[in-house]
């Protein structure tokens, strides 16, 4: 079984892990209908509108 000859330094370890630190949160846009924040190119979770049209019809369970 392969065994490391020397201890990996903190700098080398952190350099290896650095690409994971570059990931960022996706951009947030504003819904033109209700002006609430939403993810771009998705139906607004607040008013169910996309591209000026209602996409998901409201269902009322009585």
PDB file of N, CA and C in Angstrom:
ATOM      1  N   UNK A   1       0.839  -1.178   0.000  1.00  0.00           N
ATOM      2  CA  UNK A   1       0.000   0.000   0.000  1.00  0.00           C
ATOM      3  C   UNK A   1       0.888   1.247   0.000  1.00  0.00           C
ATOM      4  N   UNK A   2       0.508   2.251  -0.790  1.00  0.00           N
ATOM      5  CA  UNK A   2       1.324   3.465  -0.883  1.00  0.00           C
ATOM      6  C   UNK A   2       1.177   4.295   0.381  1.00  0.00           C
ATOM      7  N   UNK A   3       2.320   4.784   0.879  1.00  0.00           N
ATOM      8  CA  UNK A   3       2.336   5.593   2.084  1.00  0.00           C
ATOM      9  C   UNK A   3       3.099   6.880   1.769  1.00  0.00           C
ATOM     10  N   UNK A   4       2.597   8.057   2.183  1.00  0.00           N
ATOM     11  CA  UNK A   4       3.317   9.295   1.920  1.00  0.00           C
ATOM     12  C   UNK A   4       4.672   9.312   2.616  1.00  0.00           C
ATOM     13  N   UNK A   5       5.686   9.830   1.904  1.00  0.00           N
ATOM     14  CA  UNK A   5       7.036   9.881   2.469  1.00  0.00           C
ATOM     15  C   UNK A   5       7.169  11.047   3.448  1.00  0.00           C
ATOM     16  N   UNK A   6       6.459  12.153   3.180  1.00  0.00           N
ATOM     17  CA  UNK A   6       6.511  13.336   4.042  1.00  0.00           C
ATOM     18  C   UNK A   6       5.100  13.812   4.336  1.00  0.00           C
ATOM     19  N   UNK A   7       4.973  14.549   5.435  1.00  0.00           N
ATOM     20  CA  UNK A   7       3.692  15.147   5.795  1.00  0.00           C
ATOM     21  C   UNK A   7       3.350  16.251   4.786  1.00  0.00           C
ATOM     22  N   UNK A   8       2.111  16.292   4.318  1.00  0.00           N
ATOM     23  CA  UNK A   8       1.681  17.347   3.399  1.00  0.00           C
ATOM     24  C   UNK A   8       1.509  18.640   4.183  1.00  0.00           C
ATOM     25  N   UNK A   9       2.153  19.697   3.716  1.00  0.00           N
ATOM     26  CA  UNK A   9       2.103  20.975   4.431  1.00  0.00           C
ATOM     27  C   UNK A   9       0.711  21.592   4.304  1.00  0.00           C
ATOM     28  N   UNK A  10       0.432  22.536   5.192  1.00  0.00           N
ATOM     29  CA  UNK A  10      -0.866  23.223   5.165  1.00  0.00           C
ATOM     30  C   UNK A  10      -1.047  23.983   3.859  1.00  0.00           C
ATOM     31  N   UNK A  11       0.030  24.560   3.338  1.00  0.00           N
ATOM     32  CA  UNK A  11      -0.047  25.324   2.093  1.00  0.00           C
ATOM     33  C   UNK A  11      -0.425  24.414   0.921  1.00  0.00           C
ATOM     34  N   UNK A  12       0.225  23.266   0.808  1.00  0.00           N
ATOM     35  CA  UNK A  12      -0.084  22.325  -0.272  1.00  0.00           C
ATOM     36  C   UNK A  12      -1.503  21.786  -0.139  1.00  0.00           C
ATOM     37  N   UNK A  13      -1.903  21.460   1.076  1.00  0.00           N
ATOM     38  CA  UNK A  13      -3.245  20.951   1.318  1.00  0.00           C
ATOM     39  C   UNK A  13      -4.290  21.987   0.916  1.00  0.00           C
ATOM     40  N   UNK A  14      -4.068  23.256   1.307  1.00  0.00           N
ATOM     41  CA  UNK A  14      -5.023  24.322   1.008  1.00  0.00           C
ATOM     42  C   UNK A  14      -5.040  24.660  -0.480  1.00  0.00           C
ATOM     43  N   UNK A  15      -3.879  24.558  -1.158  1.00  0.00           N
ATOM     44  CA  UNK A  15      -3.851  24.784  -2.611  1.00  0.00           C
ATOM     45  C   UNK A  15      -4.708  23.741  -3.326  1.00  0.00           C
ATOM     46  N   UNK A  16      -4.660  22.516  -2.859  1.00  0.00           N
ATOM     47  CA  UNK A  16      -5.445  21.443  -3.462  1.00  0.00           C
ATOM     48  C   UNK A  16      -6.944  21.675  -3.261  1.00  0.00           C
ATOM     49  N   UNK A  17      -7.313  22.238  -2.131  1.00  0.00           N
ATOM     50  CA  UNK A  17      -8.724  22.463  -1.813  1.00  0.00           C
ATOM     51  C   UNK A  17      -9.261  23.784  -2.370  1.00  0.00           C
ATOM     52  N   UNK A  18      -8.403  24.647  -2.883  1.00  0.00           N
ATOM     53  CA  UNK A  18      -8.826  25.995  -3.271  1.00  0.00           C
ATOM     54  C   UNK A  18      -9.896  26.058  -4.361  1.00  0.00           C
ATOM     55  N   UNK A  19      -9.953  25.167  -5.364  1.00  0.00           N
ATOM     56  CA  UNK A  19     -11.004  25.299  -6.374  1.00  0.00           C
ATOM     57  C   UNK A  19     -12.412  25.233  -5.791  1.00  0.00           C
ATOM     58  N   UNK A  20     -12.579  24.532  -4.678  1.00  0.00           N
ATOM     59  CA  UNK A  20     -13.898  24.444  -4.054  1.00  0.00           C
ATOM     60  C   UNK A  20     -14.316  25.762  -3.418  1.00  0.00           C
ATOM     61  N   UNK A  21     -13.353  26.615  -3.067  1.00  0.00           N
ATOM     62  CA  UNK A  21     -13.661  27.884  -2.416  1.00  0.00           C
ATOM     63  C   UNK A  21     -14.164  28.924  -3.416  1.00  0.00           C
ATOM     64  N   UNK A  22     -13.931  28.685  -4.707  1.00  0.00           N
ATOM     65  CA  UNK A  22     -14.301  29.662  -5.727  1.00  0.00           C
ATOM     66  C   UNK A  22     -15.769  29.600  -6.104  1.00  0.00           C
ATOM     67  N   UNK A  23     -16.472  28.583  -5.670  1.00  0.00           N
ATOM     68  CA  UNK A  23     -17.883  28.447  -6.019  1.00  0.00           C
ATOM     69  C   UNK A  23     -18.692  29.540  -5.336  1.00  0.00           C
ATOM     70  N   UNK A  24     -19.591  30.148  -6.096  1.00  0.00           N
ATOM     71  CA  UNK A  24     -20.368  31.260  -5.551  1.00  0.00           C
ATOM     72  C   UNK A  24     -21.858  30.964  -5.680  1.00  0.00           C
ATOM     73  N   UNK A  25     -22.633  31.767  -5.029  1.00  0.00           N
ATOM     74  CA  UNK A  25     -24.090  31.648  -5.051  1.00  0.00           C
ATOM     75  C   UNK A  25     -24.587  32.138  -6.406  1.00  0.00           C
ATOM     76  N   UNK A  26     -25.586  31.479  -7.006  1.00  0.00           N
ATOM     77  CA  UNK A  26     -26.093  31.951  -8.292  1.00  0.00           C
ATOM     78  C   UNK A  26     -26.695  33.338  -8.169  1.00  0.00           C
ATOM     79  N   UNK A  27     -26.664  34.082  -9.260  1.00  0.00           N
ATOM     80  CA  UNK A  27     -27.204  35.439  -9.266  1.00  0.00           C
ATOM     81  C   UNK A  27     -28.693  35.445  -8.988  1.00  0.00           C
ATOM     82  N   UNK A  28     -29.157  36.511  -8.375  1.00  0.00           N
ATOM     83  CA  UNK A  28     -30.575  36.638  -8.052  1.00  0.00           C
ATOM     84  C   UNK A  28     -31.116  37.834  -8.821  1.00  0.00           C
ATOM     85  N   UNK A  29     -32.249  37.633  -9.498  1.00  0.00           N
ATOM     86  CA  UNK A  29     -32.887  38.727 -10.223  1.00  0.00           C
ATOM     87  C   UNK A  29     -34.187  39.098  -9.505  1.00  0.00           C
ATOM     88  N   UNK A  30     -34.830  40.143 -10.000  1.00  0.00           N
ATOM     89  CA  UNK A  30     -36.065  40.618  -9.387  1.00  0.00           C
ATOM     90  C   UNK A  30     -37.222  40.281 -10.313  1.00  0.00           C
ATOM     91  N   UNK A  31     -38.287  39.766  -9.764  1.00  0.00           N
ATOM     92  CA  UNK A  31     -39.482  39.425 -10.540  1.00  0.00           C
ATOM     93  C   UNK A  31     -40.148  40.729 -11.004  1.00  0.00           C
ATOM     94  N   UNK A  32     -40.413  40.884 -12.308  1.00  0.00           N
ATOM     95  CA  UNK A  32     -41.051  42.113 -12.781  1.00  0.00           C
ATOM     96  C   UNK A  32     -42.517  42.225 -12.367  1.00  0.00           C
ATOM     97  N   UNK A  33     -43.120  41.106 -11.992  1.00  0.00           N
ATOM     98  CA  UNK A  33     -44.535  41.098 -11.617  1.00  0.00           C
ATOM     99  C   UNK A  33     -44.738  41.547 -10.166  1.00  0.00           C
ATOM    100  N   UNK A  34     -44.030  40.889  -9.239  1.00  0.00           N
ATOM    101  CA  UNK A  34     -44.252  41.161  -7.809  1.00  0.00           C
ATOM    102  C   UNK A  34     -43.043  41.812  -7.140  1.00  0.00           C
ATOM    103  N   UNK A  35     -41.939  41.978  -7.869  1.00  0.00           N
ATOM    104  CA  UNK A  35     -40.718  42.630  -7.376  1.00  0.00           C
ATOM    105  C   UNK A  35     -40.069  41.895  -6.205  1.00  0.00           C
ATOM    106  N   UNK A  36     -40.249  40.591  -6.142  1.00  0.00           N
ATOM    107  CA  UNK A  36     -39.591  39.762  -5.138  1.00  0.00           C
ATOM    108  C   UNK A  36     -38.342  39.138  -5.769  1.00  0.00           C
ATOM    109  N   UNK A  37     -37.319  38.823  -4.979  1.00  0.00           N
ATOM    110  CA  UNK A  37     -36.133  38.175  -5.550  1.00  0.00           C
ATOM    111  C   UNK A  37     -36.451  36.752  -6.004  1.00  0.00           C
ATOM    112  N   UNK A  38     -35.876  36.369  -7.152  1.00  0.00           N
ATOM    113  CA  UNK A  38     -36.069  35.016  -7.678  1.00  0.00           C
ATOM    114  C   UNK A  38     -34.839  34.621  -8.470  1.00  0.00           C
ATOM    115  N   UNK A  39     -34.672  33.331  -8.732  1.00  0.00           N
ATOM    116  CA  UNK A  39     -33.577  32.858  -9.559  1.00  0.00           C
ATOM    117  C   UNK A  39     -33.891  33.163 -11.019  1.00  0.00           C
ATOM    118  N   UNK A  40     -32.876  33.549 -11.810  1.00  0.00           N
ATOM    119  CA  UNK A  40     -33.155  33.870 -13.202  1.00  0.00           C
ATOM    120  C   UNK A  40     -33.585  32.649 -14.012  1.00  0.00           C
ATOM    121  N   UNK A  41     -34.429  32.860 -15.013  1.00  0.00           N
ATOM    122  CA  UNK A  41     -34.927  31.821 -15.920  1.00  0.00           C
ATOM    123  C   UNK A  41     -35.730  30.756 -15.187  1.00  0.00           C
ATOM    124  N   UNK A  42     -36.409  31.148 -14.126  1.00  0.00           N
ATOM    125  CA  UNK A  42     -37.260  30.215 -13.380  1.00  0.00           C
ATOM    126  C   UNK A  42     -38.562  30.907 -13.017  1.00  0.00           C
ATOM    127  N   UNK A  43     -39.577  30.101 -12.738  1.00  0.00           N
ATOM    128  CA  UNK A  43     -40.876  30.638 -12.322  1.00  0.00           C
ATOM    129  C   UNK A  43     -40.719  31.274 -10.950  1.00  0.00           C
ATOM    130  N   UNK A  44     -41.339  32.423 -10.763  1.00  0.00           N
ATOM    131  CA  UNK A  44     -41.284  33.109  -9.475  1.00  0.00           C
ATOM    132  C   UNK A  44     -42.037  32.281  -8.441  1.00  0.00           C
ATOM    133  N   UNK A  45     -41.414  31.922  -7.319  1.00  0.00           N
ATOM    134  CA  UNK A  45     -42.109  31.124  -6.315  1.00  0.00           C
ATOM    135  C   UNK A  45     -43.189  31.906  -5.579  1.00  0.00           C
ATOM    136  N   UNK A  46     -43.147  33.231  -5.664  1.00  0.00           N
ATOM    137  CA  UNK A  46     -44.109  34.056  -4.939  1.00  0.00           C
ATOM    138  C   UNK A  46     -45.412  34.239  -5.721  1.00  0.00           C
ATOM    139  N   UNK A  47     -45.294  34.605  -7.025  1.00  0.00           N
ATOM    140  CA  UNK A  47     -46.513  34.911  -7.788  1.00  0.00           C
ATOM    141  C   UNK A  47     -46.784  33.923  -8.919  1.00  0.00           C
ATOM    142  N   UNK A  48     -45.902  32.922  -9.135  1.00  0.00           N
ATOM    143  CA  UNK A  48     -46.062  31.884 -10.153  1.00  0.00           C
ATOM    144  C   UNK A  48     -46.112  32.441 -11.572  1.00  0.00           C
ATOM    145  N   UNK A  49     -45.404  33.532 -11.844  1.00  0.00           N
ATOM    146  CA  UNK A  49     -45.349  34.115 -13.176  1.00  0.00           C
ATOM    147  C   UNK A  49     -43.966  33.886 -13.777  1.00  0.00           C
ATOM    148  N   UNK A  50     -43.941  33.684 -15.106  1.00  0.00           N
ATOM    149  CA  UNK A  50     -42.692  33.607 -15.861  1.00  0.00           C
ATOM    150  C   UNK A  50     -42.936  34.244 -17.218  1.00  0.00           C
ATOM    151  N   UNK A  51     -42.106  35.198 -17.592  1.00  0.00           N
ATOM    152  CA  UNK A  51     -42.197  35.900 -18.870  1.00  0.00           C
ATOM    153  C   UNK A  51     -43.552  36.576 -19.042  1.00  0.00           C
ATOM    154  N   UNK A  52     -44.094  37.123 -17.957  1.00  0.00           N
ATOM    155  CA  UNK A  52     -45.349  37.863 -18.010  1.00  0.00           C
ATOM    156  C   UNK A  52     -46.595  37.008 -18.048  1.00  0.00           C
ATOM    157  N   UNK A  53     -46.460  35.686 -17.929  1.00  0.00           N
ATOM    158  CA  UNK A  53     -47.619  34.790 -17.972  1.00  0.00           C
ATOM    159  C   UNK A  53     -47.662  33.941 -16.714  1.00  0.00           C
ATOM    160  N   UNK A  54     -48.876  33.654 -16.236  1.00  0.00           N
ATOM    161  CA  UNK A  54     -49.006  32.773 -15.077  1.00  0.00           C
ATOM    162  C   UNK A  54     -48.763  31.342 -15.535  1.00  0.00           C
ATOM    163  N   UNK A  55     -47.817  30.685 -14.901  1.00  0.00           N
ATOM    164  CA  UNK A  55     -47.418  29.348 -15.336  1.00  0.00           C
ATOM    165  C   UNK A  55     -48.065  28.271 -14.481  1.00  0.00           C
ATOM    166  N   UNK A  56     -48.047  28.441 -13.186  1.00  0.00           N
ATOM    167  CA  UNK A  56     -48.611  27.454 -12.265  1.00  0.00           C
ATOM    168  C   UNK A  56     -49.912  28.034 -11.730  1.00  0.00           C
ATOM    169  N   UNK A  57     -51.007  27.370 -12.043  1.00  0.00           N
ATOM    170  CA  UNK A  57     -52.301  27.850 -11.576  1.00  0.00           C
ATOM    171  C   UNK A  57     -52.430  27.615 -10.071  1.00  0.00           C
ATOM    172  N   UNK A  58     -53.011  28.576  -9.396  1.00  0.00           N
ATOM    173  CA  UNK A  58     -53.234  28.466  -7.942  1.00  0.00           C
ATOM    174  C   UNK A  58     -54.316  27.410  -7.689  1.00  0.00           C
ATOM    175  N   UNK A  59     -54.065  26.520  -6.760  1.00  0.00           N
ATOM    176  CA  UNK A  59     -55.074  25.530  -6.391  1.00  0.00           C
ATOM    177  C   UNK A  59     -55.505  25.786  -4.953  1.00  0.00           C
ATOM    178  N   UNK A  60     -56.796  25.800  -4.754  1.00  0.00           N
ATOM    179  CA  UNK A  60     -57.349  26.043  -3.419  1.00  0.00           C
ATOM    180  C   UNK A  60     -58.021  24.748  -2.955  1.00  0.00           C
ATOM    181  N   UNK A  61     -57.502  24.185  -1.886  1.00  0.00           N
ATOM    182  CA  UNK A  61     -58.089  22.969  -1.306  1.00  0.00           C
ATOM    183  C   UNK A  61     -58.984  23.356  -0.165  1.00  0.00           C
ATOM    184  N   UNK A  62     -60.294  23.157  -0.354  1.00  0.00           N
ATOM    185  CA  UNK A  62     -61.243  23.544   0.670  1.00  0.00           C
ATOM    186  C   UNK A  62     -61.796  22.346   1.389  1.00  0.00           C
TER     187      UNK A  62
END
